[in-house]
Amino acid sequence: LSRLGWEPKEDEPHFDSLLRPTVLSLAALSDETAVIDEALRRFNSMRQAQDLPPDLRGVIYATAARKGDAQTFEKLLLLHNNSTSSEERIVLAGALSNFRQPELIQRALSLIATDTVRLQDVPYWIAYSFMNRHAKHQTWAWFTKHWDWINENLGSDMSFTRFPLYA
């Protein structure tokens, strides 16, 4: 963590640039105060996704969600809804599925079967929600309640076979 830091070094090895987001993510998940503070500082000072380095957006968004509130949710949702990048929308889906508060978990789940979430992104939303230990029970309730919708909309999709694994 101290060697890699947040900023790329001049002439650093390619593997360091690949390793940086992983190390920062693990540090944030381990509640490393300096990493959390910096991720939140970057999130709070950004106005648009392009203000953040693409390889660090996931770390920053997920940390903001894990430590955030309804205002954070709204900012992430606005970024999601305004993004035209499939990759960016998936990263934001991960963040929107990463909250701890039951009402925000429910809010994220309630978006899945709407026009807000493209059908091809539904598996990500569900998988990320199941990976959130604070959301597992609510996700299971949503999953079973919406099984007919999932089957109707994604039953012929190749990703459909992975749904039992997510649960």
C-alpha atoms as a PDB file:
ATOM      1  CA  LEU A   1       0.000   0.000   0.000  1.00  0.00           C
ATOM      2  CA  SER A   2       2.702   2.491   0.919  1.00  0.00           C
ATOM      3  CA  ARG A   3       4.750   1.584  -2.174  1.00  0.00           C
ATOM      4  CA  LEU A   4       1.844   1.786  -4.639  1.00  0.00           C
ATOM      5  CA  GLY A   5      -0.111   4.705  -3.182  1.00  0.00           C
ATOM      6  CA  TRP A   6      -2.950   6.366  -5.056  1.00  0.00           C
ATOM      7  CA  GLU A   7      -0.998   7.903  -7.918  1.00  0.00           C
ATOM      8  CA  PRO A   8       0.912   6.092 -10.674  1.00  0.00           C
ATOM      9  CA  LYS A   9       4.661   6.557 -10.563  1.00  0.00           C
ATOM     10  CA  GLU A  10       6.669   7.525 -13.603  1.00  0.00           C
ATOM     11  CA  ASP A  11       7.883   4.383 -15.398  1.00  0.00           C
ATOM     12  CA  GLU A  12       6.214   2.061 -12.901  1.00  0.00           C
ATOM     13  CA  PRO A  13       5.818  -1.571 -13.975  1.00  0.00           C
ATOM     14  CA  HIS A  14       2.538  -2.455 -15.665  1.00  0.00           C
ATOM     15  CA  PHE A  15       1.711  -4.888 -12.870  1.00  0.00           C
ATOM     16  CA  ASP A  16       1.869  -2.092 -10.289  1.00  0.00           C
ATOM     17  CA  SER A  17      -0.854  -0.199 -12.139  1.00  0.00           C
ATOM     18  CA  LEU A  18      -2.938  -3.390 -12.184  1.00  0.00           C
ATOM     19  CA  LEU A  19      -2.239  -4.107  -8.521  1.00  0.00           C
ATOM     20  CA  ARG A  20      -3.031  -0.604  -7.205  1.00  0.00           C
ATOM     21  CA  PRO A  21      -6.868  -0.880  -7.312  1.00  0.00           C
ATOM     22  CA  THR A  22      -6.760  -4.318  -5.696  1.00  0.00           C
ATOM     23  CA  VAL A  23      -4.513  -3.203  -2.856  1.00  0.00           C
ATOM     24  CA  LEU A  24      -6.556  -0.037  -2.284  1.00  0.00           C
ATOM     25  CA  SER A  25      -9.790  -2.072  -2.289  1.00  0.00           C
ATOM     26  CA  LEU A  26      -8.444  -4.516   0.257  1.00  0.00           C
ATOM     27  CA  ALA A  27      -7.179  -1.666   2.432  1.00  0.00           C
ATOM     28  CA  ALA A  28     -10.567   0.069   2.261  1.00  0.00           C
ATOM     29  CA  LEU A  29     -12.378  -3.156   3.136  1.00  0.00           C
ATOM     30  CA  SER A  30      -9.988  -3.550   6.058  1.00  0.00           C
ATOM     31  CA  ASP A  31     -11.015  -0.090   7.275  1.00  0.00           C
ATOM     32  CA  GLU A  32      -7.582   1.441   6.705  1.00  0.00           C
ATOM     33  CA  THR A  33      -8.436   4.979   7.821  1.00  0.00           C
ATOM     34  CA  ALA A  34      -6.094   6.818   5.448  1.00  0.00           C
ATOM     35  CA  VAL A  35      -7.441   4.923   2.426  1.00  0.00           C
ATOM     36  CA  ILE A  36     -11.065   5.458   3.414  1.00  0.00           C
ATOM     37  CA  ASP A  37     -10.464   9.148   4.047  1.00  0.00           C
ATOM     38  CA  GLU A  38      -8.793   9.596   0.666  1.00  0.00           C
ATOM     39  CA  ALA A  39     -11.481   7.636  -1.188  1.00  0.00           C
ATOM     40  CA  LEU A  40     -14.197   9.729   0.441  1.00  0.00           C
ATOM     41  CA  ARG A  41     -12.305  12.954  -0.241  1.00  0.00           C
ATOM     42  CA  ARG A  42     -12.048  12.038  -3.913  1.00  0.00           C
ATOM     43  CA  PHE A  43     -15.694  10.992  -4.102  1.00  0.00           C
ATOM     44  CA  ASN A  44     -16.959  14.131  -2.383  1.00  0.00           C
ATOM     45  CA  SER A  45     -14.868  16.441  -4.553  1.00  0.00           C
ATOM     46  CA  MET A  46     -15.807  14.854  -7.882  1.00  0.00           C
ATOM     47  CA  ARG A  47     -18.510  16.342 -10.068  1.00  0.00           C
ATOM     48  CA  GLN A  48     -18.490  13.713 -12.812  1.00  0.00           C
ATOM     49  CA  ALA A  49     -16.996  10.253 -13.294  1.00  0.00           C
ATOM     50  CA  GLN A  50     -14.239  11.650 -15.499  1.00  0.00           C
ATOM     51  CA  ASP A  51     -12.849  13.491 -12.472  1.00  0.00           C
ATOM     52  CA  LEU A  52     -11.618  10.124 -11.164  1.00  0.00           C
ATOM     53  CA  PRO A  53      -9.034   7.786 -12.696  1.00  0.00           C
ATOM     54  CA  PRO A  54     -10.954   4.963 -14.422  1.00  0.00           C
ATOM     55  CA  ASP A  55      -9.002   2.219 -12.659  1.00  0.00           C
ATOM     56  CA  LEU A  56      -9.792   3.671  -9.202  1.00  0.00           C
ATOM     57  CA  ARG A  57     -13.476   4.487  -9.660  1.00  0.00           C
ATOM     58  CA  GLY A  58     -14.618   1.109  -8.356  1.00  0.00           C
ATOM     59  CA  VAL A  59     -12.592   1.496  -5.144  1.00  0.00           C
ATOM     60  CA  ILE A  60     -13.809   5.035  -4.620  1.00  0.00           C
ATOM     61  CA  TYR A  61     -17.474   4.322  -5.428  1.00  0.00           C
ATOM     62  CA  ALA A  62     -17.615   1.157  -3.311  1.00  0.00           C
ATOM     63  CA  THR A  63     -15.959   2.858  -0.342  1.00  0.00           C
ATOM     64  CA  ALA A  64     -18.309   5.824  -0.608  1.00  0.00           C
ATOM     65  CA  ALA A  65     -21.300   3.463  -0.672  1.00  0.00           C
ATOM     66  CA  ARG A  66     -20.074   1.365   2.233  1.00  0.00           C
ATOM     67  CA  LYS A  67     -19.557   4.489   4.347  1.00  0.00           C
ATOM     68  CA  GLY A  68     -22.302   6.593   2.781  1.00  0.00           C
ATOM     69  CA  ASP A  69     -25.903   7.571   3.220  1.00  0.00           C
ATOM     70  CA  ALA A  70     -28.951   8.442   1.117  1.00  0.00           C
ATOM     71  CA  GLN A  71     -27.184  11.467  -0.364  1.00  0.00           C
ATOM     72  CA  THR A  72     -24.314   9.221  -1.476  1.00  0.00           C
ATOM     73  CA  PHE A  73     -26.832   6.826  -3.000  1.00  0.00           C
ATOM     74  CA  GLU A  74     -28.420   9.663  -4.968  1.00  0.00           C
ATOM     75  CA  LYS A  75     -25.057  10.829  -6.301  1.00  0.00           C
ATOM     76  CA  LEU A  76     -24.111   7.299  -7.390  1.00  0.00           C
ATOM     77  CA  LEU A  77     -27.527   6.747  -8.961  1.00  0.00           C
ATOM     78  CA  LEU A  78     -27.246   9.999 -10.891  1.00  0.00           C
ATOM     79  CA  LEU A  79     -23.814   8.949 -12.166  1.00  0.00           C
ATOM     80  CA  HIS A  80     -25.276   5.573 -13.161  1.00  0.00           C
ATOM     81  CA  ASN A  81     -28.258   7.044 -14.938  1.00  0.00           C
ATOM     82  CA  ASN A  82     -26.166   9.613 -16.816  1.00  0.00           C
ATOM     83  CA  SER A  83     -23.472   7.170 -17.915  1.00  0.00           C
ATOM     84  CA  THR A  84     -23.417   5.819 -21.457  1.00  0.00           C
ATOM     85  CA  SER A  85     -20.525   3.460 -20.703  1.00  0.00           C
ATOM     86  CA  SER A  86     -21.492  -0.158 -20.036  1.00  0.00           C
ATOM     87  CA  GLU A  87     -18.388  -0.667 -17.923  1.00  0.00           C
ATOM     88  CA  GLU A  88     -19.073   2.432 -15.839  1.00  0.00           C
ATOM     89  CA  ARG A  89     -22.684   1.391 -15.254  1.00  0.00           C
ATOM     90  CA  ILE A  90     -21.525  -2.026 -14.012  1.00  0.00           C
ATOM     91  CA  VAL A  91     -18.993  -0.443 -11.634  1.00  0.00           C
ATOM     92  CA  LEU A  92     -21.747   1.836 -10.348  1.00  0.00           C
ATOM     93  CA  ALA A  93     -24.106  -1.127  -9.972  1.00  0.00           C
ATOM     94  CA  GLY A  94     -21.517  -2.673  -7.684  1.00  0.00           C
ATOM     95  CA  ALA A  95     -21.418   0.484  -5.607  1.00  0.00           C
ATOM     96  CA  LEU A  96     -25.197   0.928  -5.485  1.00  0.00           C
ATOM     97  CA  SER A  97     -25.445  -2.665  -4.248  1.00  0.00           C
ATOM     98  CA  ASN A  98     -22.858  -2.045  -1.522  1.00  0.00           C
ATOM     99  CA  PHE A  99     -24.805  -0.022   1.050  1.00  0.00           C
ATOM    100  CA  ARG A 100     -25.413  -1.272   4.596  1.00  0.00           C
ATOM    101  CA  GLN A 101     -28.675   0.513   5.387  1.00  0.00           C
ATOM    102  CA  PRO A 102     -31.751  -1.688   4.825  1.00  0.00           C
ATOM    103  CA  GLU A 103     -33.704   1.132   3.170  1.00  0.00           C
ATOM    104  CA  LEU A 104     -30.888   1.797   0.664  1.00  0.00           C
ATOM    105  CA  ILE A 105     -30.475  -1.901  -0.014  1.00  0.00           C
ATOM    106  CA  GLN A 106     -34.196  -2.076  -0.737  1.00  0.00           C
ATOM    107  CA  ARG A 107     -33.958   0.988  -2.938  1.00  0.00           C
ATOM    108  CA  ALA A 108     -31.180  -0.603  -5.011  1.00  0.00           C
ATOM    109  CA  LEU A 109     -33.122  -3.844  -5.334  1.00  0.00           C
ATOM    110  CA  SER A 110     -36.252  -1.969  -6.368  1.00  0.00           C
ATOM    111  CA  LEU A 111     -34.372  -0.521  -9.350  1.00  0.00           C
ATOM    112  CA  ILE A 112     -33.523  -3.899 -10.875  1.00  0.00           C
ATOM    113  CA  ALA A 113     -36.871  -4.592 -12.555  1.00  0.00           C
ATOM    114  CA  THR A 114     -37.218  -1.040 -13.876  1.00  0.00           C
ATOM    115  CA  ASP A 115     -35.964   0.814 -16.935  1.00  0.00           C
ATOM    116  CA  THR A 116     -33.116   2.174 -14.792  1.00  0.00           C
ATOM    117  CA  VAL A 117     -31.281  -1.156 -15.116  1.00  0.00           C
ATOM    118  CA  ARG A 118     -30.684  -2.615 -18.546  1.00  0.00           C
ATOM    119  CA  LEU A 119     -31.600  -6.288 -18.787  1.00  0.00           C
ATOM    120  CA  GLN A 120     -28.022  -7.256 -19.614  1.00  0.00           C
ATOM    121  CA  ASP A 121     -26.936  -5.637 -16.318  1.00  0.00           C
ATOM    122  CA  VAL A 122     -29.485  -7.416 -14.098  1.00  0.00           C
ATOM    123  CA  PRO A 123     -27.147 -10.354 -13.316  1.00  0.00           C
ATOM    124  CA  TYR A 124     -24.527  -7.911 -12.011  1.00  0.00           C
ATOM    125  CA  TRP A 125     -27.018  -6.155  -9.737  1.00  0.00           C
ATOM    126  CA  ILE A 126     -28.210  -9.467  -8.331  1.00  0.00           C
ATOM    127  CA  ALA A 127     -24.723 -10.937  -7.912  1.00  0.00           C
ATOM    128  CA  TYR A 128     -23.383  -7.772  -6.260  1.00  0.00           C
ATOM    129  CA  SER A 129     -26.392  -7.645  -3.936  1.00  0.00           C
ATOM    130  CA  PHE A 130     -25.838 -11.245  -2.856  1.00  0.00           C
ATOM    131  CA  MET A 131     -22.136 -10.485  -2.247  1.00  0.00           C
ATOM    132  CA  ASN A 132     -23.070  -7.698   0.175  1.00  0.00           C
ATOM    133  CA  ARG A 133     -23.321  -9.448   3.543  1.00  0.00           C
ATOM    134  CA  HIS A 134     -25.716  -6.768   4.760  1.00  0.00           C
ATOM    135  CA  ALA A 135     -28.048  -7.343   1.786  1.00  0.00           C
ATOM    136  CA  LYS A 136     -28.165 -11.141   1.463  1.00  0.00           C
ATOM    137  CA  HIS A 137     -31.519 -11.667   3.173  1.00  0.00           C
ATOM    138  CA  GLN A 138     -33.216  -8.764   1.415  1.00  0.00           C
ATOM    139  CA  THR A 139     -31.747  -9.893  -1.898  1.00  0.00           C
ATOM    140  CA  TRP A 140     -33.068 -13.413  -1.380  1.00  0.00           C
ATOM    141  CA  ALA A 141     -36.538 -12.028  -0.619  1.00  0.00           C
ATOM    142  CA  TRP A 142     -36.409  -9.847  -3.750  1.00  0.00           C
ATOM    143  CA  PHE A 143     -35.019 -12.734  -5.813  1.00  0.00           C
ATOM    144  CA  THR A 144     -37.771 -15.177  -4.853  1.00  0.00           C
ATOM    145  CA  LYS A 145     -40.517 -12.570  -5.184  1.00  0.00           C
ATOM    146  CA  HIS A 146     -39.333 -11.580  -8.676  1.00  0.00           C
ATOM    147  CA  TRP A 147     -38.421 -15.054  -9.897  1.00  0.00           C
ATOM    148  CA  ASP A 148     -41.165 -15.042 -12.554  1.00  0.00           C
ATOM    149  CA  TRP A 149     -39.921 -11.676 -13.852  1.00  0.00           C
ATOM    150  CA  ILE A 150     -36.327 -12.950 -13.918  1.00  0.00           C
ATOM    151  CA  ASN A 151     -37.369 -16.130 -15.718  1.00  0.00           C
ATOM    152  CA  GLU A 152     -39.509 -14.243 -18.233  1.00  0.00           C
ATOM    153  CA  ASN A 153     -36.864 -11.611 -19.013  1.00  0.00           C
ATOM    154  CA  LEU A 154     -33.637 -13.578 -18.635  1.00  0.00           C
ATOM    155  CA  GLY A 155     -34.668 -17.238 -18.837  1.00  0.00           C
ATOM    156  CA  SER A 156     -33.157 -17.640 -22.305  1.00  0.00           C
ATOM    157  CA  ASP A 157     -30.020 -15.632 -21.503  1.00  0.00           C
ATOM    158  CA  MET A 158     -26.742 -17.490 -21.034  1.00  0.00           C
ATOM    159  CA  SER A 159     -26.249 -15.740 -17.674  1.00  0.00           C
ATOM    160  CA  PHE A 160     -29.464 -17.314 -16.373  1.00  0.00           C
ATOM    161  CA  THR A 161     -27.654 -20.562 -15.518  1.00  0.00           C
ATOM    162  CA  ARG A 162     -25.457 -18.658 -13.049  1.00  0.00           C
ATOM    163  CA  PHE A 163     -28.356 -17.301 -10.979  1.00  0.00           C
ATOM    164  CA  PRO A 164     -28.355 -20.260  -8.568  1.00  0.00           C
ATOM    165  CA  LEU A 165     -24.649 -19.639  -7.968  1.00  0.00           C
ATOM    166  CA  TYR A 166     -25.308 -16.032  -7.023  1.00  0.00           C
ATOM    167  CA  ALA A 167     -27.890 -17.141  -4.453  1.00  0.00           C
END
